[in-house]
Protein backbone atom coordinates (compact mmCIF):
# COMPACT_ATOMS: atom_id res chain seq x y z
CA MET A 1 143.28 95.34 79.99
CA SER A 2 140.53 93.08 78.61
CA GLY A 3 138.51 90.74 80.84
CA ALA A 4 140.18 87.91 79.15
CA GLU A 5 143.61 89.26 79.98
CA GLU A 6 142.56 89.78 83.43
CA ALA A 7 141.30 86.24 83.76
CA THR A 8 144.78 84.73 82.66
CA GLN A 9 146.79 87.09 84.78
CA GLU A 10 148.67 84.88 87.27
CA VAL A 11 148.22 85.62 90.87
CA LYS A 12 151.52 85.77 92.51
CA ARG A 13 152.53 85.25 96.15
CA VAL A 14 154.50 88.24 97.25
CA PRO A 15 156.33 88.13 100.77
CA PHE A 16 155.35 91.14 102.99
CA THR A 17 159.10 91.54 103.76
CA GLN A 18 162.17 90.24 102.19
CA GLY A 19 164.69 87.86 103.86
CA ALA A 20 162.50 86.71 106.69
CA PHE A 21 161.43 83.24 105.32
CA VAL A 22 161.84 80.94 102.53
CA GLU A 23 160.04 78.16 100.95
CA THR A 24 161.95 75.11 100.42
CA PRO A 25 161.33 71.57 99.08
CA GLN A 26 161.05 70.54 102.72
CA GLY A 27 158.42 73.10 103.46
CA PRO A 28 158.82 76.72 104.72
CA ARG A 29 161.58 77.89 106.87
CA LEU A 30 162.42 81.17 108.82
CA ILE A 31 165.68 82.73 108.13
CA GLY A 32 167.63 83.23 111.35
CA SER A 33 171.11 83.19 112.40
CA LYS A 34 173.32 81.41 114.91
CA CYS A 35 176.37 82.84 116.75
CA PRO A 36 179.18 79.97 116.30
CA ALA A 37 180.91 81.52 119.42
CA CYS A 38 178.24 81.76 122.23
CA GLY A 39 175.48 79.62 120.41
CA THR A 40 172.69 82.40 120.64
CA VAL A 41 170.09 82.06 117.93
CA PHE A 42 168.57 85.06 116.37
CA PHE A 43 165.34 85.95 114.48
CA PRO A 44 165.35 88.01 112.36
CA LYS A 45 168.63 86.98 111.35
CA ALA A 46 171.56 89.17 112.36
CA ASP A 47 175.11 89.61 110.97
CA VAL A 48 176.77 90.11 114.30
CA CYS A 49 175.91 88.52 117.64
CA ARG A 50 173.84 90.88 119.79
CA VAL A 51 175.22 89.50 122.95
CA PRO A 52 177.38 92.52 124.23
CA SER A 53 180.16 90.12 125.51
CA CYS A 54 180.37 88.19 122.30
CA MET A 55 179.74 90.39 119.14
CA ALA A 56 181.10 87.47 116.83
CA GLN A 57 180.05 87.11 113.24
CA THR A 58 176.99 84.85 112.95
CA GLU A 59 175.99 81.97 110.48
CA GLU A 60 172.65 82.04 108.59
CA MET A 61 170.42 79.20 109.76
CA LEU A 62 166.97 77.94 108.56
CA LEU A 63 164.43 77.80 111.56
CA GLY A 64 161.53 75.31 111.80
CA PRO A 65 159.52 73.73 110.59
CA ARG A 66 157.91 73.06 114.17
CA GLY A 67 157.91 74.64 117.64
CA LYS A 68 155.95 74.90 120.70
CA LEU A 69 153.40 77.74 121.51
CA TRP A 70 154.68 79.56 124.65
CA SER A 71 151.99 82.30 125.00
CA TYR A 72 149.08 83.75 122.68
CA SER A 73 146.56 86.43 122.59
CA ILE A 74 143.55 87.35 120.38
CA GLN A 75 143.78 90.45 118.35
CA TYR A 76 140.07 91.72 118.37
CA PHE A 77 140.79 95.23 116.80
CA LYS A 78 141.97 95.97 113.29
CA PRO A 79 145.63 97.00 113.57
CA PRO A 80 146.45 100.61 112.45
CA PRO A 81 148.43 101.49 109.23
CA PRO A 82 150.91 100.63 107.90
CA ILE A 83 149.84 96.97 108.98
CA ARG A 84 147.44 95.52 106.50
CA VAL A 85 145.08 92.57 106.94
CA GLU A 86 142.41 91.03 104.70
CA GLU A 87 138.96 92.75 104.66
CA PRO A 88 136.54 92.17 106.17
CA PHE A 89 138.64 92.20 109.36
CA ARG A 90 138.28 89.20 111.53
CA PRO A 91 140.03 88.90 115.03
CA TYR A 92 143.04 86.67 114.93
CA ALA A 93 145.53 85.21 117.25
CA VAL A 94 149.06 86.06 117.69
CA GLY A 95 151.61 83.76 119.37
CA MET A 96 155.06 83.50 120.81
CA VAL A 97 156.60 80.30 119.79
CA ASP A 98 159.67 78.37 121.02
CA MET A 99 161.58 77.56 117.73
CA ASP A 100 165.19 76.27 117.47
CA GLY A 101 166.24 78.05 120.60
CA VAL A 102 164.47 81.50 119.99
CA ARG A 103 161.08 82.86 120.79
CA ILE A 104 159.44 84.10 117.65
CA ILE A 105 156.15 86.00 117.41
CA GLY A 106 153.76 85.44 114.52
CA MET A 107 150.06 85.12 113.77
CA LEU A 108 148.37 81.87 114.40
CA THR A 109 146.10 80.16 111.87
CA GLU A 110 143.64 79.33 114.77
CA ALA A 111 142.03 81.98 116.90
CA ASP A 112 139.70 79.65 118.89
CA LEU A 113 140.42 79.78 122.66
CA GLU A 114 139.00 76.26 123.02
CA VAL A 115 141.81 74.96 120.84
CA LEU A 116 144.89 77.03 121.66
CA ARG A 117 146.91 75.95 124.71
CA PRO A 118 150.32 76.66 125.99
CA ASP A 119 153.15 74.23 125.02
CA MET A 120 150.90 72.79 121.92
CA GLU A 121 153.02 71.96 119.11
CA VAL A 122 152.58 74.14 116.24
CA GLU A 123 154.09 74.09 112.58
CA LEU A 124 155.31 76.86 110.35
CA VAL A 125 153.14 77.69 107.20
CA ILE A 126 153.21 80.78 104.73
CA ASP A 127 149.74 82.12 104.45
CA MET A 128 148.07 85.20 102.88
CA LEU A 129 147.97 88.39 104.91
CA TYR A 130 146.00 90.33 102.38
CA ARG A 131 145.61 91.12 98.56
CA ASP A 132 147.68 93.86 97.05
CA ALA A 133 146.12 96.37 94.56
CA ASP A 134 147.14 93.94 91.63
CA GLY A 135 145.34 91.00 93.35
CA ASN A 136 148.38 89.22 94.41
CA GLU A 137 148.70 87.45 97.90
CA VAL A 138 150.96 89.16 100.28
CA VAL A 139 151.97 86.42 102.41
CA THR A 140 153.83 86.04 105.87
CA TRP A 141 154.68 83.27 108.21
CA LYS A 142 152.06 81.93 110.55
CA PHE A 143 151.87 79.22 113.13
CA ARG A 144 149.40 76.45 112.64
CA PRO A 145 148.45 74.27 115.65
CA LEU A 146 149.03 70.62 115.32
CA ARG A 147 146.30 68.43 116.86
C-alpha cells in the first residue's frame, strides 16, 4: 500500500466485544436485559432470568446513560494478556457503577483520586481501549465523572 493509500485509509471504531453496547442517536447505551416476572436487571444481557426461583425469559433493555459510582480502584500494573490497553501503559481507574438497578464494572476516564468519590454521578461513554494492528480504534464502554 502506498503512503497516499495509507493516508486515505479510514480509521474504524471496532467494539472489543459484540453485543455489549450500542451507540444510539441519544448517546451510548449498554445492552442488558430485564426479567418481566421478577424485575431483575442483568448486564451483560441474559436470555433467561438467572434467579433460580424464577428462570423466566428476559427482555432486552438499554441501560444508561447515567449512574452513580459505587466503588473504584486504581489499576497500577499492566493487565496480562489477553487484556490489551494502549501503550505506553498508564494507570487507570476501574469502577463499579449503579445503573438502572444493576451494578456494572467498567473503566473510568478519570484516575485522579482527588476527583473520584463514592456516589458521584457518572455518564456512559464509548472510548478507545487500544489500536489494533490495522490502526483501528478498539473501543469499550467507560464511565466519565460528571462534575
